[in-house]
Amino acid sequence: MEKQPRNPYTEEFKKRTVKYILEQSKSMPEIAGELDISAGVLHSWKQKYRSEIQAEMQAEVQASPDKVRQLEQQLRNMETEKQNQERENADLREELEILKKALHIFGKERN
């Protein structure tokens, strides 16, 4: 009987899978069934890559204050832009009302 060739999973796939395992609240057999990979293989990947993935996840958490500051700045810029547009819209509405009144006044027939 001939052995079937193993499915060659890339290192990136293995690492993403371990990250997925760490992020989920599902059991290992549930995830194994979901991914159609044996639980034993997933356990070995988890054992191999766990510390590396956890370090990456911790680095993401530490980088998040910078991301928060960046997003806050973007929000302030968007709010300023919105205020400017609202002011411009108010000015345009006022000009339109003035033009309507002028048209009404000058459009009347003179006796």
N, C-alpha and C. Protein backbone atom coordinates (compact mmCIF):
# COMPACT_ATOMS: atom_id res chain seq x y z
N MET A 1 0.84 -1.18 0.00
CA MET A 1 0.00 0.00 0.00
C MET A 1 0.88 1.25 0.00
N GLU A 2 0.56 2.15 -0.86
CA GLU A 2 1.38 3.36 -1.03
C GLU A 2 0.92 4.45 -0.07
N LYS A 3 1.89 5.13 0.53
CA LYS A 3 1.56 6.24 1.44
C LYS A 3 1.07 7.43 0.63
N GLN A 4 0.06 8.10 1.19
CA GLN A 4 -0.42 9.31 0.53
C GLN A 4 0.52 10.46 0.92
N PRO A 5 0.82 11.33 -0.03
CA PRO A 5 1.71 12.45 0.30
C PRO A 5 1.04 13.39 1.30
N ARG A 6 1.85 13.92 2.18
CA ARG A 6 1.33 14.87 3.15
C ARG A 6 0.94 16.17 2.46
N ASN A 7 -0.02 16.83 3.05
CA ASN A 7 -0.45 18.11 2.51
C ASN A 7 0.54 19.17 3.01
N PRO A 8 1.32 19.75 2.13
CA PRO A 8 2.34 20.71 2.59
C PRO A 8 1.72 22.08 2.92
N TYR A 9 1.59 22.34 4.20
CA TYR A 9 1.07 23.63 4.64
C TYR A 9 2.23 24.60 4.79
N THR A 10 2.03 25.83 4.38
CA THR A 10 3.09 26.83 4.49
C THR A 10 3.22 27.28 5.94
N GLU A 11 4.38 27.84 6.26
CA GLU A 11 4.61 28.36 7.61
C GLU A 11 3.59 29.46 7.92
N GLU A 12 3.30 30.29 6.94
CA GLU A 12 2.33 31.38 7.13
C GLU A 12 0.96 30.82 7.49
N PHE A 13 0.55 29.77 6.77
CA PHE A 13 -0.74 29.15 7.06
C PHE A 13 -0.76 28.59 8.48
N LYS A 14 0.31 27.92 8.87
CA LYS A 14 0.39 27.35 10.21
C LYS A 14 0.31 28.44 11.28
N LYS A 15 1.02 29.52 11.06
CA LYS A 15 1.01 30.62 12.04
C LYS A 15 -0.37 31.27 12.11
N ARG A 16 -1.00 31.49 10.97
CA ARG A 16 -2.35 32.07 10.98
C ARG A 16 -3.33 31.14 11.67
N THR A 17 -3.15 29.84 11.47
CA THR A 17 -4.02 28.85 12.11
C THR A 17 -3.83 28.89 13.62
N VAL A 18 -2.60 28.97 14.09
CA VAL A 18 -2.34 29.05 15.53
C VAL A 18 -2.93 30.33 16.10
N LYS A 19 -2.79 31.43 15.38
CA LYS A 19 -3.39 32.68 15.85
C LYS A 19 -4.90 32.53 15.94
N TYR A 20 -5.49 31.89 14.96
CA TYR A 20 -6.93 31.65 14.96
C TYR A 20 -7.32 30.80 16.18
N ILE A 21 -6.54 29.76 16.45
CA ILE A 21 -6.81 28.89 17.60
C ILE A 21 -6.76 29.70 18.89
N LEU A 22 -5.76 30.56 19.02
CA LEU A 22 -5.60 31.35 20.25
C LEU A 22 -6.71 32.38 20.42
N GLU A 23 -7.26 32.85 19.32
CA GLU A 23 -8.31 33.87 19.39
C GLU A 23 -9.69 33.29 19.62
N GLN A 24 -9.87 32.01 19.33
CA GLN A 24 -11.18 31.39 19.40
C GLN A 24 -11.46 30.84 20.80
N SER A 25 -12.74 30.71 21.09
CA SER A 25 -13.14 30.07 22.34
C SER A 25 -13.63 28.64 22.07
N LYS A 26 -13.44 28.19 20.83
CA LYS A 26 -13.86 26.85 20.44
C LYS A 26 -12.83 25.82 20.94
N SER A 27 -13.27 24.57 21.02
CA SER A 27 -12.36 23.51 21.41
C SER A 27 -11.49 23.12 20.22
N MET A 28 -10.38 22.46 20.51
CA MET A 28 -9.47 22.03 19.45
C MET A 28 -10.17 21.07 18.48
N PRO A 29 -10.97 20.09 18.96
CA PRO A 29 -11.66 19.21 18.01
C PRO A 29 -12.64 19.97 17.10
N GLU A 30 -13.28 21.01 17.63
CA GLU A 30 -14.19 21.81 16.79
C GLU A 30 -13.42 22.52 15.68
N ILE A 31 -12.30 23.12 16.05
CA ILE A 31 -11.48 23.83 15.06
C ILE A 31 -10.90 22.84 14.05
N ALA A 32 -10.47 21.66 14.54
CA ALA A 32 -9.92 20.64 13.65
C ALA A 32 -10.96 20.22 12.62
N GLY A 33 -12.20 20.03 13.08
CA GLY A 33 -13.27 19.67 12.14
C GLY A 33 -13.56 20.79 11.16
N GLU A 34 -13.51 22.01 11.66
CA GLU A 34 -13.78 23.18 10.83
C GLU A 34 -12.75 23.32 9.71
N LEU A 35 -11.48 23.07 10.06
CA LEU A 35 -10.38 23.25 9.10
C LEU A 35 -10.03 21.95 8.36
N ASP A 36 -10.64 20.85 8.78
CA ASP A 36 -10.36 19.54 8.20
C ASP A 36 -8.87 19.19 8.33
N ILE A 37 -8.36 19.43 9.51
CA ILE A 37 -6.98 19.09 9.87
C ILE A 37 -7.06 18.37 11.21
N SER A 38 -6.27 17.34 11.39
CA SER A 38 -6.38 16.57 12.63
C SER A 38 -6.00 17.42 13.84
N ALA A 39 -6.65 17.10 14.96
CA ALA A 39 -6.39 17.86 16.19
C ALA A 39 -4.95 17.68 16.64
N GLY A 40 -4.37 16.52 16.40
CA GLY A 40 -2.97 16.28 16.77
C GLY A 40 -2.02 17.21 16.04
N VAL A 41 -2.28 17.40 14.76
CA VAL A 41 -1.46 18.31 13.95
C VAL A 41 -1.61 19.74 14.48
N LEU A 42 -2.84 20.13 14.78
CA LEU A 42 -3.07 21.48 15.31
C LEU A 42 -2.37 21.68 16.65
N HIS A 43 -2.41 20.64 17.49
CA HIS A 43 -1.71 20.73 18.79
C HIS A 43 -0.21 20.92 18.58
N SER A 44 0.36 20.18 17.63
CA SER A 44 1.81 20.32 17.40
C SER A 44 2.14 21.71 16.85
N TRP A 45 1.31 22.24 15.96
CA TRP A 45 1.53 23.60 15.44
C TRP A 45 1.43 24.61 16.58
N LYS A 46 0.43 24.42 17.41
CA LYS A 46 0.21 25.35 18.52
C LYS A 46 1.41 25.35 19.46
N GLN A 47 1.92 24.14 19.73
CA GLN A 47 3.09 24.03 20.61
C GLN A 47 4.31 24.71 19.98
N LYS A 48 4.46 24.56 18.68
CA LYS A 48 5.62 25.11 17.98
C LYS A 48 5.57 26.63 17.85
N TYR A 49 4.38 27.17 17.54
CA TYR A 49 4.28 28.59 17.20
C TYR A 49 3.64 29.46 18.28
N ARG A 50 3.17 28.89 19.35
CA ARG A 50 2.41 29.65 20.35
C ARG A 50 3.17 30.88 20.85
N SER A 51 4.40 30.71 21.30
CA SER A 51 5.13 31.84 21.88
C SER A 51 5.37 32.93 20.84
N GLU A 52 5.68 32.55 19.62
CA GLU A 52 5.91 33.52 18.54
C GLU A 52 4.64 34.32 18.24
N ILE A 53 3.52 33.62 18.14
CA ILE A 53 2.25 34.27 17.83
C ILE A 53 1.82 35.18 18.98
N GLN A 54 2.00 34.70 20.21
CA GLN A 54 1.63 35.53 21.36
C GLN A 54 2.48 36.79 21.42
N ALA A 55 3.75 36.70 21.06
CA ALA A 55 4.61 37.88 21.02
C ALA A 55 4.13 38.86 19.96
N GLU A 56 3.72 38.34 18.80
CA GLU A 56 3.20 39.21 17.75
C GLU A 56 1.90 39.89 18.19
N MET A 57 1.05 39.12 18.84
CA MET A 57 -0.22 39.68 19.30
C MET A 57 0.03 40.75 20.36
N GLN A 58 1.01 40.53 21.23
CA GLN A 58 1.35 41.52 22.25
C GLN A 58 1.90 42.79 21.59
N ALA A 59 2.69 42.63 20.54
CA ALA A 59 3.23 43.78 19.83
C ALA A 59 2.10 44.58 19.19
N GLU A 60 1.08 43.89 18.68
CA GLU A 60 -0.08 44.58 18.11
C GLU A 60 -0.79 45.39 19.17
N VAL A 61 -0.92 44.83 20.36
CA VAL A 61 -1.59 45.53 21.45
C VAL A 61 -0.78 46.75 21.86
N GLN A 62 0.53 46.61 21.91
CA GLN A 62 1.38 47.74 22.29
C GLN A 62 1.37 48.83 21.23
N ALA A 63 1.19 48.45 19.97
CA ALA A 63 1.15 49.44 18.90
C ALA A 63 -0.19 50.16 18.85
N SER A 64 -1.17 49.62 19.53
CA SER A 64 -2.50 50.19 19.43
C SER A 64 -2.61 51.61 19.99
N PRO A 65 -1.88 52.03 21.04
CA PRO A 65 -2.00 53.44 21.46
C PRO A 65 -1.59 54.42 20.34
N ASP A 66 -0.58 54.06 19.58
CA ASP A 66 -0.20 54.91 18.45
C ASP A 66 -1.31 54.93 17.41
N LYS A 67 -1.92 53.79 17.19
CA LYS A 67 -3.02 53.71 16.23
C LYS A 67 -4.20 54.53 16.72
N VAL A 68 -4.47 54.48 18.02
CA VAL A 68 -5.57 55.26 18.59
C VAL A 68 -5.31 56.75 18.40
N ARG A 69 -4.09 57.19 18.67
CA ARG A 69 -3.76 58.61 18.48
C ARG A 69 -3.93 59.02 17.02
N GLN A 70 -3.50 58.15 16.12
CA GLN A 70 -3.64 58.45 14.70
C GLN A 70 -5.11 58.56 14.30
N LEU A 71 -5.93 57.63 14.79
CA LEU A 71 -7.35 57.66 14.47
C LEU A 71 -8.04 58.87 15.09
N GLU A 72 -7.62 59.25 16.30
CA GLU A 72 -8.19 60.44 16.94
C GLU A 72 -7.87 61.68 16.12
N GLN A 73 -6.64 61.76 15.60
CA GLN A 73 -6.26 62.90 14.77
C GLN A 73 -7.08 62.94 13.49
N GLN A 74 -7.29 61.78 12.88
CA GLN A 74 -8.11 61.72 11.68
C GLN A 74 -9.54 62.17 11.98
N LEU A 75 -10.05 61.76 13.13
CA LEU A 75 -11.40 62.15 13.53
C LEU A 75 -11.49 63.66 13.71
N ARG A 76 -10.49 64.25 14.38
CA ARG A 76 -10.49 65.71 14.56
C ARG A 76 -10.46 66.42 13.21
N ASN A 77 -9.63 65.93 12.30
CA ASN A 77 -9.55 66.53 10.96
C ASN A 77 -10.88 66.43 10.23
N MET A 78 -11.53 65.28 10.34
CA MET A 78 -12.82 65.10 9.67
C MET A 78 -13.89 66.00 10.30
N GLU A 79 -13.85 66.16 11.61
CA GLU A 79 -14.83 67.05 12.28
C GLU A 79 -14.62 68.50 11.85
N THR A 80 -13.37 68.92 11.74
CA THR A 80 -13.06 70.27 11.29
C THR A 80 -13.56 70.48 9.87
N GLU A 81 -13.31 69.50 9.02
CA GLU A 81 -13.76 69.59 7.63
C GLU A 81 -15.29 69.65 7.58
N LYS A 82 -15.95 68.86 8.40
CA LYS A 82 -17.41 68.86 8.44
C LYS A 82 -17.94 70.22 8.88
N GLN A 83 -17.32 70.81 9.89
CA GLN A 83 -17.74 72.14 10.36
C GLN A 83 -17.57 73.18 9.26
N ASN A 84 -16.46 73.10 8.54
CA ASN A 84 -16.23 74.03 7.44
C ASN A 84 -17.29 73.87 6.36
N GLN A 85 -17.63 72.63 6.04
CA GLN A 85 -18.66 72.39 5.03
C GLN A 85 -20.02 72.89 5.51
N GLU A 86 -20.32 72.68 6.78
CA GLU A 86 -21.60 73.15 7.32
C GLU A 86 -21.69 74.68 7.26
N ARG A 87 -20.57 75.37 7.58
CA ARG A 87 -20.53 76.83 7.49
C ARG A 87 -20.75 77.27 6.05
N GLU A 88 -20.06 76.60 5.13
CA GLU A 88 -20.19 76.95 3.72
C GLU A 88 -21.63 76.72 3.24
N ASN A 89 -22.23 75.62 3.66
CA ASN A 89 -23.63 75.35 3.29
C ASN A 89 -24.56 76.42 3.84
N ALA A 90 -24.34 76.85 5.08
CA ALA A 90 -25.18 77.89 5.67
C ALA A 90 -25.03 79.20 4.89
N ASP A 91 -23.80 79.53 4.51
CA ASP A 91 -23.57 80.75 3.72
C ASP A 91 -24.28 80.66 2.37
N LEU A 92 -24.20 79.49 1.73
CA LEU A 92 -24.85 79.32 0.43
C LEU A 92 -26.37 79.39 0.55
N ARG A 93 -26.91 78.83 1.63
CA ARG A 93 -28.37 78.93 1.84
C ARG A 93 -28.79 80.38 2.03
N GLU A 94 -27.98 81.14 2.77
CA GLU A 94 -28.29 82.55 3.00
C GLU A 94 -28.23 83.32 1.67
N GLU A 95 -27.21 83.05 0.86
CA GLU A 95 -27.11 83.72 -0.44
C GLU A 95 -28.30 83.36 -1.32
N LEU A 96 -28.72 82.11 -1.27
CA LEU A 96 -29.86 81.68 -2.07
C LEU A 96 -31.13 82.41 -1.64
N GLU A 97 -31.34 82.55 -0.34
CA GLU A 97 -32.51 83.27 0.16
C GLU A 97 -32.48 84.73 -0.30
N ILE A 98 -31.30 85.34 -0.25
CA ILE A 98 -31.16 86.74 -0.69
C ILE A 98 -31.49 86.84 -2.18
N LEU A 99 -30.99 85.93 -2.97
CA LEU A 99 -31.26 85.95 -4.41
C LEU A 99 -32.75 85.73 -4.70
N LYS A 100 -33.39 84.85 -3.95
CA LYS A 100 -34.83 84.64 -4.13
C LYS A 100 -35.60 85.92 -3.83
N LYS A 101 -35.23 86.61 -2.74
CA LYS A 101 -35.92 87.86 -2.39
C LYS A 101 -35.67 88.91 -3.46
N ALA A 102 -34.42 89.00 -3.94
CA ALA A 102 -34.10 89.98 -4.97
C ALA A 102 -34.87 89.67 -6.25
N LEU A 103 -34.97 88.43 -6.61
CA LEU A 103 -35.72 88.04 -7.80
C LEU A 103 -37.20 88.39 -7.64
N HIS A 104 -37.72 88.17 -6.46
CA HIS A 104 -39.12 88.50 -6.20
C HIS A 104 -39.34 90.01 -6.29
N ILE A 105 -38.43 90.78 -5.73
CA ILE A 105 -38.56 92.24 -5.73
C ILE A 105 -38.42 92.78 -7.15
N PHE A 106 -37.38 92.38 -7.86
CA PHE A 106 -37.13 92.92 -9.20
C PHE A 106 -38.04 92.29 -10.25
N GLY A 107 -38.68 91.19 -9.92
CA GLY A 107 -39.54 90.53 -10.88
C GLY A 107 -40.97 91.09 -10.89
N LYS A 108 -41.28 91.92 -9.93
CA LYS A 108 -42.63 92.49 -9.88
C LYS A 108 -42.82 93.47 -11.02
N GLU A 109 -44.05 93.51 -11.56
CA GLU A 109 -44.34 94.49 -12.58
C GLU A 109 -44.53 95.84 -11.95
N ARG A 110 -44.04 96.87 -12.62
CA ARG A 110 -44.19 98.22 -12.08
C ARG A 110 -45.43 98.86 -12.67
N ASN A 111 -46.11 99.59 -11.85
CA ASN A 111 -47.32 100.24 -12.29
C ASN A 111 -47.07 101.59 -12.85
